[in-house]
Protein backbone atom coordinates (compact mmCIF):
# COMPACT_ATOMS: atom_id res chain seq x y z
CA MET A 1 13.46 -0.07 -24.44
CA PRO A 2 9.85 -0.54 -24.57
CA PHE A 3 8.16 -3.56 -22.79
CA THR A 4 6.33 -4.63 -25.85
CA GLU A 5 10.03 -5.13 -27.59
CA VAL A 6 12.05 -8.62 -27.42
CA GLY A 7 14.66 -8.19 -24.92
CA ALA A 8 12.94 -5.47 -22.53
CA PRO A 9 12.74 -6.38 -18.79
CA SER A 10 9.95 -9.26 -18.50
CA LEU A 11 6.55 -7.72 -17.48
CA SER A 12 3.61 -9.48 -15.53
CA ILE A 13 0.39 -7.92 -14.95
CA VAL A 14 -1.57 -9.09 -12.10
CA LEU A 15 -5.24 -8.53 -11.52
CA PRO A 16 -7.10 -9.76 -8.24
CA ALA A 17 -10.59 -10.69 -9.30
CA LYS A 18 -13.82 -11.54 -7.18
CA ASN A 19 -16.96 -11.53 -9.43
CA GLU A 20 -15.49 -9.15 -12.12
CA ALA A 21 -16.04 -11.15 -15.01
CA ASP A 22 -17.86 -8.07 -16.84
CA GLY A 23 -14.80 -6.08 -16.05
CA LEU A 24 -12.27 -8.77 -17.16
CA SER A 25 -13.95 -9.23 -20.45
CA LEU A 26 -13.44 -5.79 -21.33
CA VAL A 27 -9.89 -5.39 -20.01
CA LEU A 28 -8.32 -8.47 -20.93
CA PRO A 29 -8.48 -8.22 -24.82
CA ARG A 30 -7.18 -4.35 -24.19
CA LEU A 31 -4.27 -5.67 -22.32
CA LYS A 32 -3.41 -8.81 -24.70
CA SER A 33 -3.42 -6.20 -27.64
CA LEU A 34 -1.16 -3.73 -25.71
CA TYR A 35 1.44 -6.17 -24.31
CA PRO A 36 1.26 -9.22 -26.41
CA LEU A 37 4.66 -10.53 -24.71
CA ALA A 38 3.39 -9.75 -21.19
CA GLU A 39 2.55 -12.44 -18.46
CA ILE A 40 -1.15 -11.78 -17.85
CA ILE A 41 -2.15 -13.38 -14.42
CA VAL A 42 -6.02 -13.28 -12.88
CA VAL A 43 -6.03 -14.26 -9.35
CA ASP A 44 -9.53 -15.59 -9.18
CA ASP A 45 -10.39 -14.86 -5.42
CA GLY A 46 -13.15 -17.34 -4.95
CA SER A 47 -15.40 -16.00 -7.86
CA THR A 48 -18.97 -17.33 -8.23
CA ASP A 49 -19.66 -15.88 -11.76
CA TYR A 50 -18.23 -16.71 -15.08
CA THR A 51 -14.61 -15.33 -14.29
CA ALA A 52 -13.40 -18.66 -15.14
CA SER A 53 -14.61 -18.89 -18.63
CA VAL A 54 -13.55 -15.34 -19.45
CA CYS A 55 -9.89 -16.12 -18.62
CA ALA A 56 -9.96 -19.25 -20.80
CA ALA A 57 -11.23 -17.41 -23.69
CA GLN A 58 -8.57 -14.75 -23.46
CA GLU A 59 -5.94 -17.41 -22.87
CA VAL A 60 -4.71 -15.74 -19.94
CA ILE A 61 -3.21 -17.46 -16.37
CA ARG A 62 -5.77 -17.83 -14.16
CA VAL A 63 -4.93 -18.70 -10.52
CA PRO A 64 -8.00 -19.64 -8.43
CA HIS A 65 -8.39 -19.36 -4.92
CA PRO A 66 -10.65 -22.30 -3.40
CA TYR A 67 -12.68 -19.72 -1.31
CA SER A 68 -12.15 -15.58 -1.12
CA GLN A 69 -9.39 -14.80 0.81
CA GLY A 70 -9.12 -11.15 0.18
CA ASN A 71 -7.53 -8.62 -2.02
CA GLY A 72 -4.21 -8.63 -0.45
CA ALA A 73 -4.23 -12.21 -0.40
CA ALA A 74 -4.86 -12.26 -4.06
CA ILE A 75 -1.99 -9.82 -4.80
CA LYS A 76 0.60 -12.22 -2.96
CA THR A 77 -0.53 -15.07 -4.95
CA GLY A 78 0.04 -12.83 -8.14
CA LEU A 79 3.51 -11.96 -6.81
CA ARG A 80 4.50 -15.61 -6.08
CA ARG A 81 3.19 -16.82 -9.41
CA ALA A 82 4.52 -13.77 -11.54
CA THR A 83 7.87 -14.35 -13.55
CA GLY A 84 8.46 -10.99 -14.88
CA GLU A 85 11.11 -8.43 -13.50
CA ILE A 86 8.39 -5.70 -13.51
CA VAL A 87 4.96 -6.49 -11.90
CA VAL A 88 1.95 -4.05 -12.64
CA CYS A 89 -0.95 -4.44 -10.45
CA MET A 90 -4.41 -3.40 -11.30
CA ASP A 91 -8.06 -3.70 -10.63
CA ALA A 92 -10.30 -5.84 -12.86
CA ASP A 93 -13.39 -3.87 -12.52
CA GLY A 94 -12.50 -1.34 -15.66
CA GLN A 95 -11.48 1.65 -13.21
CA HIS A 96 -7.84 1.17 -14.55
CA ARG A 97 -7.13 1.85 -18.12
CA PRO A 98 -4.71 -0.40 -19.70
CA GLU A 99 -3.51 2.24 -21.97
CA GLU A 100 -1.96 4.11 -18.92
CA ILE A 101 0.34 1.14 -17.80
CA GLU A 102 2.74 2.81 -20.43
CA LEU A 103 2.87 5.55 -17.97
CA LEU A 104 3.98 3.73 -15.13
CA LEU A 105 6.64 1.85 -17.13
CA ASP A 106 8.17 4.83 -18.59
CA LYS A 107 8.53 6.40 -15.22
CA MET A 108 10.06 3.15 -13.89
CA ALA A 109 12.68 3.22 -16.69
CA THR A 110 13.97 6.51 -15.45
CA GLY A 111 15.23 4.74 -12.27
CA TYR A 112 12.51 3.95 -9.82
CA ASP A 113 11.45 0.67 -7.92
CA MET A 114 7.76 1.47 -7.74
CA VAL A 115 5.53 3.85 -9.72
CA VAL A 116 1.92 4.38 -8.59
CA GLY A 117 -1.00 6.18 -10.62
CA SER A 118 -2.27 9.07 -8.42
CA ARG A 119 -5.85 9.86 -8.71
CA ASN A 120 -7.25 13.19 -8.73
CA LYS A 121 -10.25 14.13 -6.81
CA SER A 122 -12.90 13.31 -9.57
CA GLY A 123 -11.44 10.08 -9.21
CA GLN A 124 -12.40 9.25 -5.83
CA ALA A 125 -15.23 7.00 -5.24
CA SER A 126 -17.11 9.37 -3.10
CA ALA A 127 -16.52 12.81 -1.07
CA HIS A 128 -16.00 10.94 2.03
CA ARG A 129 -13.35 8.55 0.79
CA GLY A 130 -11.82 11.23 -0.78
CA LEU A 131 -11.30 12.99 2.38
CA ALA A 132 -10.12 9.93 4.21
CA ASN A 133 -7.80 9.47 1.38
CA ALA A 134 -6.39 12.94 1.95
CA LEU A 135 -5.85 12.14 5.74
CA TYR A 136 -4.15 9.04 5.00
CA ASN A 137 -1.74 10.63 2.71
CA ARG A 138 -0.98 13.24 4.96
CA LEU A 139 -0.20 10.70 7.95
CA ALA A 140 1.85 8.48 5.74
CA SER A 141 3.91 11.47 4.47
CA TRP A 142 4.82 12.16 7.98
CA MET A 143 5.55 8.77 8.69
CA VAL A 144 7.76 7.95 5.88
CA GLY A 145 9.41 11.38 5.38
CA HIS A 146 8.31 11.78 1.86
CA LYS A 147 5.20 13.17 0.05
CA VAL A 148 2.52 10.36 -0.51
CA ALA A 149 0.30 11.46 -3.41
CA ASP A 150 -2.12 8.49 -3.23
CA LEU A 151 -1.69 6.13 -0.43
CA THR A 152 -4.36 3.59 -1.65
CA SER A 153 -4.42 3.57 -5.25
CA GLY A 154 -3.93 -0.07 -6.29
CA PHE A 155 -2.82 0.74 -9.90
CA ARG A 156 1.16 0.21 -9.68
CA ALA A 157 4.20 -1.14 -11.10
CA MET A 158 6.93 -2.53 -8.68
CA ARG A 159 10.09 -4.40 -9.26
CA ARG A 160 9.11 -7.96 -8.16
CA SER A 161 12.30 -8.66 -6.36
CA ARG A 162 11.62 -5.63 -4.17
CA ALA A 163 8.03 -6.28 -3.55
CA LEU A 164 8.87 -9.94 -2.54
CA GLU A 165 11.15 -8.39 0.46
CA PHE A 166 7.95 -7.29 2.00
CA ILE A 167 5.02 -9.82 1.01
CA SER A 168 5.04 -11.51 4.46
CA LEU A 169 3.83 -7.80 5.68
CA LEU A 170 0.81 -7.57 3.27
CA PRO A 171 -2.51 -7.88 4.58
CA ASN A 172 -4.89 -10.60 3.23
CA GLY A 173 -7.51 -7.99 2.97
CA PHE A 174 -7.46 -4.44 2.50
CA SER A 175 -4.88 -2.69 1.93
CA TYR A 176 -1.97 -3.95 0.21
CA PRO A 177 -1.26 -0.55 -1.32
CA THR A 178 -0.93 1.26 1.82
CA THR A 179 1.50 -1.50 3.02
CA THR A 180 3.91 -1.54 -0.33
CA THR A 181 3.90 2.19 -0.38
CA MET A 182 5.14 2.54 2.93
CA CYS A 183 7.41 -0.27 2.98
CA PHE A 184 9.20 0.82 -0.13
CA PHE A 185 9.69 4.62 1.16
CA ARG A 186 11.07 3.23 4.53
CA ALA A 187 13.45 0.90 2.91
CA GLY A 188 14.98 3.59 0.67
CA TYR A 189 13.39 2.36 -2.58
CA PRO A 190 12.84 5.31 -4.87
CA VAL A 191 8.96 5.70 -5.34
CA ALA A 192 7.29 7.84 -7.80
CA TYR A 193 3.69 9.02 -8.78
CA VAL A 194 2.00 9.77 -12.08
CA ASP A 195 -1.31 10.94 -12.85
CA ILE A 196 -4.07 8.62 -13.80
CA ASP A 197 -7.60 9.18 -15.27
CA VAL A 198 -9.75 6.58 -13.15
CA GLN A 199 -12.68 5.51 -14.97
CA SER A 200 -16.40 4.95 -13.28
CA ARG A 201 -16.79 1.40 -12.01
CA LEU A 202 -19.12 -1.00 -14.29
CA ALA A 203 -22.57 -0.62 -13.97
CA GLY A 204 -24.10 -3.48 -11.48
CA THR A 205 -20.44 -3.66 -9.66
CA THR A 206 -19.91 -2.46 -6.07
CA SER A 207 -16.69 -1.57 -4.20
CA HIS A 208 -15.87 -4.33 -1.81
CA VAL A 209 -13.84 -1.51 0.52
CA ARG A 210 -16.11 -0.74 3.58
CA LEU A 211 -15.79 2.66 4.56
CA TRP A 212 -15.53 2.51 8.20
CA LYS A 213 -14.12 -1.07 8.88
CA ASP A 214 -11.54 -0.89 6.13
CA GLY A 215 -10.62 2.91 6.84
CA MET A 216 -9.88 1.75 10.68
CA ARG A 217 -7.52 -0.92 9.05
CA PHE A 218 -5.68 1.41 6.85
CA LEU A 219 -4.66 3.40 9.91
CA LEU A 220 -3.97 0.59 11.77
CA ILE A 221 -1.54 -0.42 9.15
CA ILE A 222 -0.13 2.94 8.84
CA PHE A 223 0.96 2.64 12.21
CA LYS A 224 1.88 -0.82 12.10
CA ILE A 225 4.50 -0.14 9.24
CA GLY A 226 5.52 3.15 10.93
CA THR A 227 6.35 1.22 14.08
CA LEU A 228 8.27 -1.31 12.08
CA TYR A 229 10.41 1.01 10.04
CA SER A 230 10.62 4.18 12.20
CA PRO A 231 9.60 3.61 15.76
CA LEU A 232 10.56 7.16 16.96
CA LYS A 233 7.96 8.64 14.61
CA ILE A 234 5.31 7.20 16.87
CA PHE A 235 7.03 6.76 20.19
CA LEU A 236 8.69 10.33 20.14
CA PRO A 237 5.29 12.46 19.88
CA ILE A 238 3.69 10.32 22.70
CA ALA A 239 6.55 10.92 25.10
CA ALA A 240 6.77 14.56 24.36
CA SER A 241 2.85 14.65 25.01
CA LEU A 242 3.02 13.10 28.41
CA PHE A 243 6.22 14.95 29.03
CA ALA A 244 4.39 18.26 28.27
CA THR A 245 1.24 17.63 30.29
CA GLY A 246 3.44 16.47 33.26
CA THR A 247 5.37 19.94 33.22
CA GLY A 248 2.03 21.81 32.88
CA TYR A 249 0.44 19.77 35.76
CA TYR A 250 3.54 20.43 38.01
CA LEU A 251 3.71 23.83 37.21
CA TYR A 252 -0.31 24.10 38.28
CA THR A 253 0.51 22.03 41.57
CA PHE A 254 3.31 24.06 42.38
CA LEU A 255 1.89 27.49 41.98
CA THR A 256 -1.52 26.48 43.84
CA MET A 257 -0.38 24.10 46.45
CA SER A 258 3.63 24.14 46.09
CA ARG A 259 3.60 20.35 45.86
CA PHE A 260 4.95 18.05 43.24
CA THR A 261 2.39 15.31 43.05
CA ASN A 262 2.08 11.84 42.22
CA MET A 263 0.52 12.31 39.10
CA SER A 264 3.46 14.71 37.80
CA ALA A 265 5.70 11.86 38.59
CA LEU A 266 3.69 9.48 36.75
CA LEU A 267 3.63 11.36 33.79
CA PHE A 268 7.27 12.24 33.59
CA THR A 269 8.05 8.65 34.34
CA SER A 270 5.89 7.43 31.51
CA ALA A 271 7.21 9.85 29.30
CA LEU A 272 10.96 8.74 29.91
CA VAL A 273 9.89 5.05 29.51
CA ILE A 274 8.01 5.53 26.28
CA PHE A 275 10.92 7.54 24.86
CA LEU A 276 13.44 4.76 25.81
CA MET A 277 11.11 1.99 24.35
CA GLY A 278 11.32 4.12 21.11
CA LEU A 279 15.24 4.10 21.15
CA ILE A 280 15.36 0.43 21.71
CA SER A 281 12.85 -0.13 19.10
CA GLU A 282 14.96 1.99 16.60
CA GLN A 283 18.23 0.47 17.42
CA ILE A 284 16.18 -3.11 16.69
CA THR A 285 15.25 -1.82 13.40
CA ALA A 286 18.59 -0.73 12.56
CA LEU A 287 20.08 -4.28 13.45
CA MET A 288 17.27 -5.69 11.45
CA TYR A 289 18.33 -3.81 8.16
CA GLN A 290 22.18 -4.54 8.87
CA ASP A 291 21.25 -7.91 8.76
CA ARG A 292 19.13 -7.76 5.60
CA SER A 293 21.72 -5.80 4.11
CA GLY A 294 24.57 -8.38 4.90
CA HIS A 295 26.88 -5.80 6.47
């Protein structure tokens, strides 16, 4: 059933915004025209421009932050404020086309809990960021055991009840897309990707993402969520590397000095301890999900 019809699953559209009044003035009228029954929420993350007046003129819900708390904090505020069964998150800077929300919703109607708009190479802000995102996608795909087509895309539709399960894990800054993607995959909730056409940012606006600082943060988030949901994916390769190094060093010292050295013993012991830590972490994770499911 189309989301524009009465009786369809309720829809909330959340737009985190920090000084994006120009973008909102273009995006909000299109959203209201396409989805007159949707709940449109602009989370004003400490803006100093005329975001408030734009929201008032368009008669949408504005939830203000008293100061800038970050993109992730704005998304969390929007999820808590939303009442729709389905929540669409999108940027307020004009990069995401309201007309493509229908692509996400149509895909969700086939049984998915989250659908993400996947950008092509031309949709990346720069060549460096495109290469970084390709690395993140590969690493995240290995961590969760599924293909991650676009880890950092902020254009996505989610079942609100599912997203709220992980809201405490979302960072206040960047990147909430990374966390939600990996959490949904590792929790076993079906995730799909659809191709989207990302527009250029409006003239005079700049991205709030800092390449190096936020890039390292993305990597830490990947490892954090991976450790939380699949610890052996982290611990086992480290243990195997230490064991292989210890074996190689032992063979070298045995052939050259006919000795088993303390260094070999340390490497073997470290490999065993890390492997056992991984097993214990895996059991803790299993128990955590067992409690959550009520079994």
